[in-house]
Amino acid sequence: MATGSGKTVIMAMIIAWNFLNKVTHPTDARFSRHALVIAPGLTVKSRLQVLHPAHENIIRNSDHYKPLMLL
């Protein structure tokens, strides 16, 4: 996939989906309580930091991620 196509955001959403399913179905073995993300280099690692909820540059309430009917 091309640079800037949203691979990191997709990965974060899959991890969040897994965690939310684990909270909803705590005994279901299909869902995990842990995630391991391996970043190949410091550039990718720094880009991943933006997805952490405590990061100051996290994207919140951005029009980019709102459904078109809410714009």
N, C-alpha and C. Protein backbone atom coordinates (compact mmCIF):
# COMPACT_ATOMS: atom_id res chain seq x y z
N MET A 1 0.83 -1.18 0.00
CA MET A 1 0.00 0.00 0.00
C MET A 1 0.88 1.25 0.00
N ALA A 2 0.35 2.31 -0.52
CA ALA A 2 1.10 3.55 -0.67
C ALA A 2 1.26 4.30 0.65
N THR A 3 2.27 5.13 0.71
CA THR A 3 2.49 6.00 1.87
C THR A 3 1.30 6.94 2.02
N GLY A 4 0.82 7.07 3.25
CA GLY A 4 -0.28 7.99 3.52
C GLY A 4 -1.65 7.43 3.21
N SER A 5 -1.74 6.12 2.97
CA SER A 5 -3.03 5.54 2.63
C SER A 5 -3.85 5.13 3.85
N GLY A 6 -3.28 5.26 5.04
CA GLY A 6 -4.04 4.99 6.26
C GLY A 6 -3.81 3.62 6.87
N LYS A 7 -2.70 2.98 6.55
CA LYS A 7 -2.42 1.65 7.09
C LYS A 7 -2.35 1.64 8.61
N THR A 8 -1.72 2.66 9.18
CA THR A 8 -1.56 2.73 10.63
C THR A 8 -2.91 2.91 11.32
N VAL A 9 -3.76 3.73 10.76
CA VAL A 9 -5.09 3.95 11.34
C VAL A 9 -5.91 2.67 11.25
N ILE A 10 -5.82 1.96 10.13
CA ILE A 10 -6.54 0.68 9.98
C ILE A 10 -6.06 -0.31 11.04
N MET A 11 -4.74 -0.38 11.24
CA MET A 11 -4.19 -1.29 12.25
C MET A 11 -4.72 -0.92 13.64
N ALA A 12 -4.75 0.36 13.96
CA ALA A 12 -5.24 0.81 15.26
C ALA A 12 -6.72 0.48 15.44
N MET A 13 -7.50 0.64 14.39
CA MET A 13 -8.93 0.33 14.48
C MET A 13 -9.17 -1.17 14.66
N ILE A 14 -8.36 -2.00 14.03
CA ILE A 14 -8.49 -3.46 14.22
C ILE A 14 -8.16 -3.84 15.66
N ILE A 15 -7.12 -3.23 16.22
CA ILE A 15 -6.76 -3.50 17.61
C ILE A 15 -7.86 -3.01 18.54
N ALA A 16 -8.39 -1.81 18.29
CA ALA A 16 -9.48 -1.29 19.12
C ALA A 16 -10.72 -2.17 19.02
N TRP A 17 -11.04 -2.63 17.81
CA TRP A 17 -12.19 -3.53 17.61
C TRP A 17 -12.02 -4.80 18.45
N ASN A 18 -10.79 -5.35 18.44
CA ASN A 18 -10.52 -6.55 19.21
C ASN A 18 -10.72 -6.30 20.71
N PHE A 19 -10.19 -5.19 21.21
CA PHE A 19 -10.32 -4.89 22.64
C PHE A 19 -11.77 -4.63 23.04
N LEU A 20 -12.51 -3.93 22.22
CA LEU A 20 -13.92 -3.68 22.53
C LEU A 20 -14.73 -4.97 22.54
N ASN A 21 -14.40 -5.88 21.63
CA ASN A 21 -15.07 -7.18 21.63
C ASN A 21 -14.71 -7.98 22.87
N LYS A 22 -13.46 -7.88 23.34
CA LYS A 22 -13.05 -8.60 24.54
C LYS A 22 -13.78 -8.06 25.76
N VAL A 23 -13.99 -6.74 25.82
CA VAL A 23 -14.73 -6.15 26.94
C VAL A 23 -16.19 -6.60 26.91
N THR A 24 -16.75 -6.67 25.71
CA THR A 24 -18.15 -7.08 25.55
C THR A 24 -18.33 -8.58 25.82
N HIS A 25 -17.36 -9.38 25.39
CA HIS A 25 -17.42 -10.85 25.54
C HIS A 25 -16.15 -11.33 26.23
N PRO A 26 -16.02 -11.14 27.54
CA PRO A 26 -14.76 -11.44 28.24
C PRO A 26 -14.35 -12.91 28.22
N THR A 27 -15.28 -13.82 28.05
CA THR A 27 -14.91 -15.24 28.05
C THR A 27 -14.66 -15.80 26.66
N ASP A 28 -14.83 -15.01 25.64
CA ASP A 28 -14.63 -15.47 24.26
C ASP A 28 -13.14 -15.52 23.94
N ALA A 29 -12.64 -16.69 23.65
CA ALA A 29 -11.21 -16.89 23.39
C ALA A 29 -10.75 -16.31 22.05
N ARG A 30 -11.68 -15.89 21.20
CA ARG A 30 -11.30 -15.32 19.91
C ARG A 30 -10.69 -13.93 20.06
N PHE A 31 -10.93 -13.28 21.18
CA PHE A 31 -10.47 -11.91 21.38
C PHE A 31 -9.40 -11.87 22.46
N SER A 32 -8.43 -10.98 22.28
CA SER A 32 -7.29 -10.89 23.18
C SER A 32 -7.36 -9.65 24.06
N ARG A 33 -6.69 -9.72 25.22
CA ARG A 33 -6.57 -8.56 26.09
C ARG A 33 -5.28 -7.80 25.81
N HIS A 34 -4.43 -8.32 24.95
CA HIS A 34 -3.11 -7.74 24.69
C HIS A 34 -2.87 -7.60 23.19
N ALA A 35 -2.03 -6.63 22.83
CA ALA A 35 -1.63 -6.46 21.43
C ALA A 35 -0.13 -6.18 21.41
N LEU A 36 0.54 -6.73 20.43
CA LEU A 36 1.97 -6.48 20.24
C LEU A 36 2.13 -5.82 18.88
N VAL A 37 2.68 -4.61 18.88
CA VAL A 37 2.91 -3.88 17.63
C VAL A 37 4.41 -3.73 17.48
N ILE A 38 4.96 -4.24 16.39
CA ILE A 38 6.38 -4.14 16.12
C ILE A 38 6.57 -3.13 14.99
N ALA A 39 7.36 -2.09 15.26
CA ALA A 39 7.59 -1.03 14.27
C ALA A 39 8.99 -1.18 13.69
N PRO A 40 9.11 -1.23 12.36
CA PRO A 40 10.42 -1.43 11.72
C PRO A 40 11.19 -0.11 11.57
N GLY A 41 11.65 0.42 12.67
CA GLY A 41 12.46 1.64 12.60
C GLY A 41 11.86 2.77 13.41
N LEU A 42 12.69 3.79 13.66
CA LEU A 42 12.26 4.90 14.50
C LEU A 42 11.24 5.80 13.81
N THR A 43 11.30 5.91 12.49
CA THR A 43 10.33 6.75 11.78
C THR A 43 8.92 6.20 11.94
N VAL A 44 8.75 4.91 11.76
CA VAL A 44 7.44 4.28 11.91
C VAL A 44 7.00 4.35 13.36
N LYS A 45 7.93 4.13 14.29
CA LYS A 45 7.59 4.19 15.71
C LYS A 45 7.07 5.58 16.08
N SER A 46 7.71 6.63 15.58
CA SER A 46 7.25 7.98 15.90
C SER A 46 5.88 8.26 15.31
N ARG A 47 5.59 7.70 14.15
CA ARG A 47 4.26 7.86 13.55
C ARG A 47 3.19 7.11 14.33
N LEU A 48 3.56 5.98 14.91
CA LEU A 48 2.61 5.21 15.71
C LEU A 48 2.27 5.92 17.02
N GLN A 49 3.18 6.72 17.55
CA GLN A 49 2.94 7.42 18.82
C GLN A 49 1.73 8.33 18.75
N VAL A 50 1.42 8.84 17.57
CA VAL A 50 0.28 9.76 17.40
C VAL A 50 -1.04 9.06 17.72
N LEU A 51 -1.09 7.75 17.62
CA LEU A 51 -2.32 7.02 17.89
C LEU A 51 -2.56 6.76 19.37
N HIS A 52 -1.56 7.03 20.21
CA HIS A 52 -1.73 6.81 21.65
C HIS A 52 -2.69 7.86 22.20
N PRO A 53 -3.67 7.47 23.00
CA PRO A 53 -4.68 8.41 23.50
C PRO A 53 -4.11 9.60 24.28
N ALA A 54 -2.94 9.46 24.89
CA ALA A 54 -2.37 10.55 25.68
C ALA A 54 -1.50 11.49 24.85
N HIS A 55 -1.26 11.18 23.59
CA HIS A 55 -0.39 12.00 22.75
C HIS A 55 -1.05 13.34 22.43
N GLU A 56 -0.24 14.43 22.45
CA GLU A 56 -0.82 15.76 22.25
C GLU A 56 -1.28 16.01 20.81
N ASN A 57 -0.78 15.27 19.85
CA ASN A 57 -1.15 15.48 18.45
C ASN A 57 -2.17 14.46 17.93
N ILE A 58 -2.84 13.75 18.83
CA ILE A 58 -3.80 12.74 18.39
C ILE A 58 -4.94 13.42 17.62
N ILE A 59 -5.42 12.74 16.61
CA ILE A 59 -6.49 13.29 15.79
C ILE A 59 -7.81 13.04 16.51
N ARG A 60 -8.47 14.13 16.92
CA ARG A 60 -9.76 14.03 17.60
C ARG A 60 -10.76 14.90 16.88
N ASN A 61 -11.94 14.39 16.70
CA ASN A 61 -13.04 15.14 16.10
C ASN A 61 -12.67 15.76 14.76
N SER A 62 -11.85 15.06 14.03
CA SER A 62 -11.44 15.56 12.71
C SER A 62 -12.55 15.29 11.69
N ASP A 63 -12.81 16.25 10.82
CA ASP A 63 -13.80 16.05 9.77
C ASP A 63 -13.40 14.92 8.84
N HIS A 64 -12.10 14.62 8.79
CA HIS A 64 -11.61 13.55 7.91
C HIS A 64 -12.20 12.19 8.28
N TYR A 65 -12.49 11.99 9.56
CA TYR A 65 -12.97 10.69 10.02
C TYR A 65 -14.45 10.65 10.32
N LYS A 66 -15.19 11.70 10.04
CA LYS A 66 -16.63 11.72 10.28
C LYS A 66 -17.37 11.21 9.05
N PRO A 67 -18.45 10.47 9.26
CA PRO A 67 -19.28 10.08 8.12
C PRO A 67 -19.81 11.31 7.39
N LEU A 68 -19.99 11.21 6.10
CA LEU A 68 -20.42 12.35 5.29
C LEU A 68 -21.73 12.96 5.78
N MET A 69 -22.64 12.14 6.33
CA MET A 69 -23.92 12.67 6.78
C MET A 69 -23.77 13.57 7.99
N LEU A 70 -22.64 13.51 8.71
CA LEU A 70 -22.44 14.36 9.89
C LEU A 70 -21.71 15.65 9.56
N LEU A 71 -21.22 15.80 8.34
CA LEU A 71 -20.47 17.01 7.97
C LEU A 71 -21.39 18.15 7.66
